Amino acid sequence: MTALGIATSQRTHLSRSASDVDRVIRVSTAIVVLAVAGIAAYVSYWHAYAVVREYGETGVTASLEPVTIDGLVYASSMVVLYAARHQLPVPRLARWLLALGIVATLAANMAQGWSHGPGGMVVAAWPAVSLVGSYELLVWIIRKAASEGPGDRVPVADQYGPQAGRPDHEARINASAVAAYHRSIESGSPLSERKLAGMFGKKSRRWARNRIAEARKSGPVPA
């Protein structure tokens, strides 16, 4: 086996190892985030339930109203996630409702601890803070996983460039990027350098600029 072959094999092994570590980090973090979110949602629900009961609601209404508060935070966060996954602008309504839901859940929890003074308010508000934070962390993890789809990232080989790493793989990525830019032109929504780089797990806008230049030189690609 040649030195180049050995080096390529080592880089491939390191790349796979790095990918496995990333996967373990994502899965374990998602599990912890979901556990924290579940606990925080449970505590936050009963805090809000106590406040709703105190202000006159009873029966089914008192049981369901707290769900609308934390549910609003969750639904708005999912809309933000959907927009990020599909590279769409986040609707203003989603941003406003997310902010409104966060304020509402904080207010409900703080109201429950009001009778115990500032310390009680802080303690009562903590589950709401944990819940909102957990939602946003989970959204971030899913967004990153979506933007770095399988086969898009080559964390080790990319550091060595196309001549020393995996030239065939790099050539395929470059060709795919050129084709993707052609398709975006045909659809009437040309990709920006940042979006094109992100689609293929690249951080360099210069790389994207070079692919765009190649696409413009080569002209339209036959269907």
Protein backbone atom coordinates (compact mmCIF):
# COMPACT_ATOMS: atom_id res chain seq x y z
CA MET A 1 0.00 0.00 0.00
CA THR A 2 1.36 3.41 -0.96
CA ALA A 3 1.93 6.22 1.52
CA LEU A 4 -0.96 8.14 -0.05
CA GLY A 5 -3.25 5.14 0.40
CA ILE A 6 -2.25 4.74 4.04
CA ALA A 7 -2.79 8.46 4.70
CA THR A 8 -6.18 8.36 3.00
CA SER A 9 -7.20 5.30 5.03
CA GLN A 10 -6.13 6.98 8.27
CA ARG A 11 -8.06 10.15 7.45
CA THR A 12 -11.16 8.11 6.55
CA HIS A 13 -10.94 6.30 9.90
CA LEU A 14 -10.53 9.58 11.78
CA SER A 15 -13.44 11.07 9.85
CA ARG A 16 -15.69 8.16 10.78
CA SER A 17 -14.55 8.34 14.41
CA ALA A 18 -15.32 12.07 14.54
CA SER A 19 -18.74 11.41 13.01
CA ASP A 20 -19.47 8.72 15.61
CA VAL A 21 -18.47 11.06 18.44
CA ASP A 22 -20.72 13.80 17.03
CA ARG A 23 -23.60 11.34 16.86
CA VAL A 24 -23.11 10.25 20.49
CA ILE A 25 -22.98 13.89 21.62
CA ARG A 26 -26.17 14.74 19.74
CA VAL A 27 -28.12 11.71 20.92
CA SER A 28 -27.06 12.02 24.57
CA THR A 29 -27.74 15.75 24.58
CA ALA A 30 -31.16 15.23 23.01
CA ILE A 31 -32.04 12.64 25.68
CA VAL A 32 -31.00 14.95 28.52
CA VAL A 33 -32.76 17.94 26.96
CA LEU A 34 -35.97 15.94 26.54
CA ALA A 35 -35.77 14.73 30.15
CA VAL A 36 -35.24 18.27 31.46
CA ALA A 37 -38.04 19.58 29.25
CA GLY A 38 -40.41 16.89 30.53
CA ILE A 39 -39.67 17.63 34.20
CA ALA A 40 -39.81 21.39 33.66
CA ALA A 41 -43.08 21.11 31.74
CA TYR A 42 -44.64 19.06 34.55
CA VAL A 43 -43.64 21.55 37.29
CA SER A 44 -44.52 24.56 35.14
CA TYR A 45 -47.94 23.07 34.39
CA TRP A 46 -48.86 22.73 38.07
CA HIS A 47 -47.58 26.20 38.87
CA ALA A 48 -49.76 27.66 36.13
CA TYR A 49 -52.67 25.44 37.19
CA ALA A 50 -52.48 26.82 40.75
CA VAL A 51 -52.51 30.40 39.43
CA VAL A 52 -55.45 29.72 37.09
CA ARG A 53 -57.45 28.16 39.94
CA GLU A 54 -56.63 31.07 42.23
CA TYR A 55 -58.05 33.53 39.72
CA GLY A 56 -61.40 31.80 39.39
CA GLU A 57 -61.13 29.08 36.72
CA THR A 58 -62.34 25.58 37.60
CA GLY A 59 -62.88 22.15 36.08
CA VAL A 60 -61.74 21.36 32.55
CA THR A 61 -60.89 25.00 31.80
CA ALA A 62 -58.47 25.18 34.72
CA SER A 63 -56.87 21.89 33.61
CA LEU A 64 -56.40 22.86 29.96
CA GLU A 65 -55.47 26.53 30.11
CA PRO A 66 -51.88 25.93 31.37
CA VAL A 67 -51.30 23.67 28.35
CA THR A 68 -52.00 26.56 25.99
CA ILE A 69 -49.12 28.54 27.51
CA ASP A 70 -46.29 26.02 27.17
CA GLY A 71 -47.91 24.62 24.02
CA LEU A 72 -47.57 28.02 22.39
CA VAL A 73 -43.84 28.05 23.14
CA TYR A 74 -43.45 24.58 21.65
CA ALA A 75 -45.51 25.28 18.53
CA SER A 76 -43.71 28.55 17.80
CA SER A 77 -40.32 26.88 18.28
CA MET A 78 -41.27 24.15 15.79
CA VAL A 79 -42.23 26.77 13.20
CA VAL A 80 -38.84 28.43 13.69
CA LEU A 81 -37.20 25.02 13.26
CA TYR A 82 -39.17 24.28 10.08
CA ALA A 83 -38.14 27.60 8.59
CA ALA A 84 -34.49 26.95 9.42
CA ARG A 85 -34.55 23.43 7.94
CA HIS A 86 -36.02 24.67 4.66
CA GLN A 87 -34.00 27.91 4.53
CA LEU A 88 -37.12 30.04 4.74
CA PRO A 89 -37.55 33.36 6.55
CA VAL A 90 -39.05 32.89 10.01
CA PRO A 91 -42.63 34.27 10.07
CA ARG A 92 -43.00 37.34 12.25
CA LEU A 93 -46.06 35.79 13.87
CA ALA A 94 -43.96 32.83 15.05
CA ARG A 95 -41.37 35.15 16.61
CA TRP A 96 -44.03 37.25 18.34
CA LEU A 97 -45.94 34.24 19.64
CA LEU A 98 -42.73 32.61 20.87
CA ALA A 99 -41.85 35.76 22.81
CA LEU A 100 -45.42 36.01 24.11
CA GLY A 101 -45.39 32.37 25.24
CA ILE A 102 -42.08 32.83 27.07
CA VAL A 103 -43.37 35.93 28.86
CA ALA A 104 -46.64 34.17 29.75
CA THR A 105 -45.02 31.07 31.21
CA LEU A 106 -42.55 33.16 33.21
CA ALA A 107 -45.37 35.36 34.51
CA ALA A 108 -47.51 32.38 35.54
CA ASN A 109 -44.67 30.70 37.40
CA MET A 110 -43.55 33.90 39.11
CA ALA A 111 -47.14 34.62 40.16
CA GLN A 112 -47.29 31.24 41.86
CA GLY A 113 -44.24 32.11 44.00
CA TRP A 114 -45.35 35.71 44.65
CA SER A 115 -46.57 34.99 48.18
CA HIS A 116 -43.11 33.77 49.20
CA GLY A 117 -41.31 36.96 48.21
CA PRO A 118 -38.51 37.52 45.65
CA GLY A 119 -36.82 34.23 46.50
CA GLY A 120 -40.04 32.31 45.98
CA MET A 121 -40.60 34.02 42.64
CA VAL A 122 -37.14 33.05 41.42
CA VAL A 123 -37.54 29.44 42.53
CA ALA A 124 -41.00 29.19 40.97
CA ALA A 125 -39.81 30.75 37.68
CA TRP A 126 -36.86 28.38 37.27
CA PRO A 127 -38.88 25.49 35.72
CA ALA A 128 -40.20 27.91 33.08
CA VAL A 129 -36.66 29.06 32.28
CA SER A 130 -35.52 25.42 32.05
CA LEU A 131 -38.47 24.54 29.83
CA VAL A 132 -37.89 27.37 27.36
CA GLY A 133 -34.14 26.75 27.35
CA SER A 134 -34.66 23.03 26.73
CA TYR A 135 -36.97 23.72 23.80
CA GLU A 136 -34.44 26.05 22.20
CA LEU A 137 -31.51 23.66 22.74
CA LEU A 138 -33.48 20.83 21.18
CA VAL A 139 -34.41 23.03 18.22
CA TRP A 140 -30.73 23.96 17.76
CA ILE A 141 -29.64 20.30 17.82
CA ILE A 142 -32.26 19.30 15.24
CA ARG A 143 -31.41 22.30 13.05
CA LYS A 144 -27.68 21.44 13.06
CA ALA A 145 -28.37 17.78 12.33
CA ALA A 146 -30.59 18.78 9.40
CA SER A 147 -28.07 21.22 7.96
CA GLU A 148 -25.29 18.61 8.19
CA GLY A 149 -27.01 15.76 6.42
CA PRO A 150 -25.33 12.39 5.86
CA GLY A 151 -22.41 12.61 3.50
CA ASP A 152 -22.27 16.41 3.51
CA ARG A 153 -19.50 16.79 6.06
CA VAL A 154 -15.94 15.52 5.71
CA PRO A 155 -14.38 16.95 8.88
CA VAL A 156 -10.91 15.52 8.48
CA ALA A 157 -10.28 15.18 4.75
CA ASP A 158 -11.38 18.74 4.07
CA GLN A 159 -8.42 20.01 6.10
CA TYR A 160 -5.98 18.52 3.62
CA GLY A 161 -7.58 19.81 0.42
CA PRO A 162 -8.55 17.87 -2.67
CA GLN A 163 -4.98 16.89 -3.57
CA ALA A 164 -4.02 15.24 -0.27
CA GLY A 165 -7.39 14.00 1.03
CA ARG A 166 -10.09 12.35 -1.06
CA PRO A 167 -10.00 13.99 -4.49
CA ASP A 168 -12.83 11.94 -5.97
CA HIS A 169 -15.09 12.76 -3.05
CA GLU A 170 -14.21 16.46 -3.22
CA ALA A 171 -14.79 16.49 -6.96
CA ARG A 172 -18.26 14.99 -6.47
CA ILE A 173 -19.09 17.58 -3.80
CA ASN A 174 -17.92 20.39 -6.05
CA ALA A 175 -19.92 19.05 -8.99
CA SER A 176 -23.01 18.69 -6.80
CA ALA A 177 -22.61 22.27 -5.59
CA VAL A 178 -22.35 23.55 -9.17
CA ALA A 179 -25.48 21.57 -10.10
CA ALA A 180 -27.33 22.88 -7.05
CA TYR A 181 -26.52 26.44 -8.02
CA HIS A 182 -27.73 25.79 -11.57
CA ARG A 183 -31.01 24.47 -10.19
CA SER A 184 -31.44 27.51 -7.97
CA ILE A 185 -30.93 29.76 -11.00
CA GLU A 186 -33.53 27.81 -12.96
CA SER A 187 -36.02 28.11 -10.09
CA GLY A 188 -35.56 31.87 -10.02
CA SER A 189 -34.04 31.93 -6.50
CA PRO A 190 -30.24 31.90 -6.81
CA LEU A 191 -28.46 30.55 -3.76
CA SER A 192 -26.26 32.93 -1.80
CA GLU A 193 -22.65 31.99 -1.05
CA ARG A 194 -23.54 31.35 2.60
CA LYS A 195 -26.49 29.08 1.78
CA LEU A 196 -24.58 27.14 -0.87
CA ALA A 197 -21.71 26.54 1.54
CA GLY A 198 -24.10 25.48 4.30
CA MET A 199 -25.84 22.95 2.06
CA PHE A 200 -22.58 21.03 1.70
CA GLY A 201 -21.24 21.48 5.24
CA LYS A 202 -18.68 24.09 4.25
CA LYS A 203 -17.74 27.11 6.32
CA SER A 204 -15.76 28.95 3.65
CA ARG A 205 -17.68 31.41 1.50
CA ARG A 206 -14.70 31.45 -0.85
CA TRP A 207 -15.36 27.78 -1.60
CA ALA A 208 -18.97 28.65 -2.49
CA ARG A 209 -17.83 31.65 -4.53
CA ASN A 210 -15.58 29.37 -6.60
CA ARG A 211 -18.44 26.92 -7.22
CA ILE A 212 -20.72 29.76 -8.31
CA ALA A 213 -18.00 31.00 -10.68
CA GLU A 214 -17.70 27.50 -12.15
CA ALA A 215 -21.46 27.33 -12.63
CA ARG A 216 -21.53 30.64 -14.44
CA LYS A 217 -18.67 29.63 -16.71
CA SER A 218 -20.17 26.26 -17.60
CA GLY A 219 -23.57 27.74 -18.47
CA PRO A 220 -26.89 25.87 -18.15
CA VAL A 221 -26.72 22.17 -17.39
CA PRO A 222 -28.81 19.95 -19.68
CA ALA A 223 -31.77 18.27 -17.96
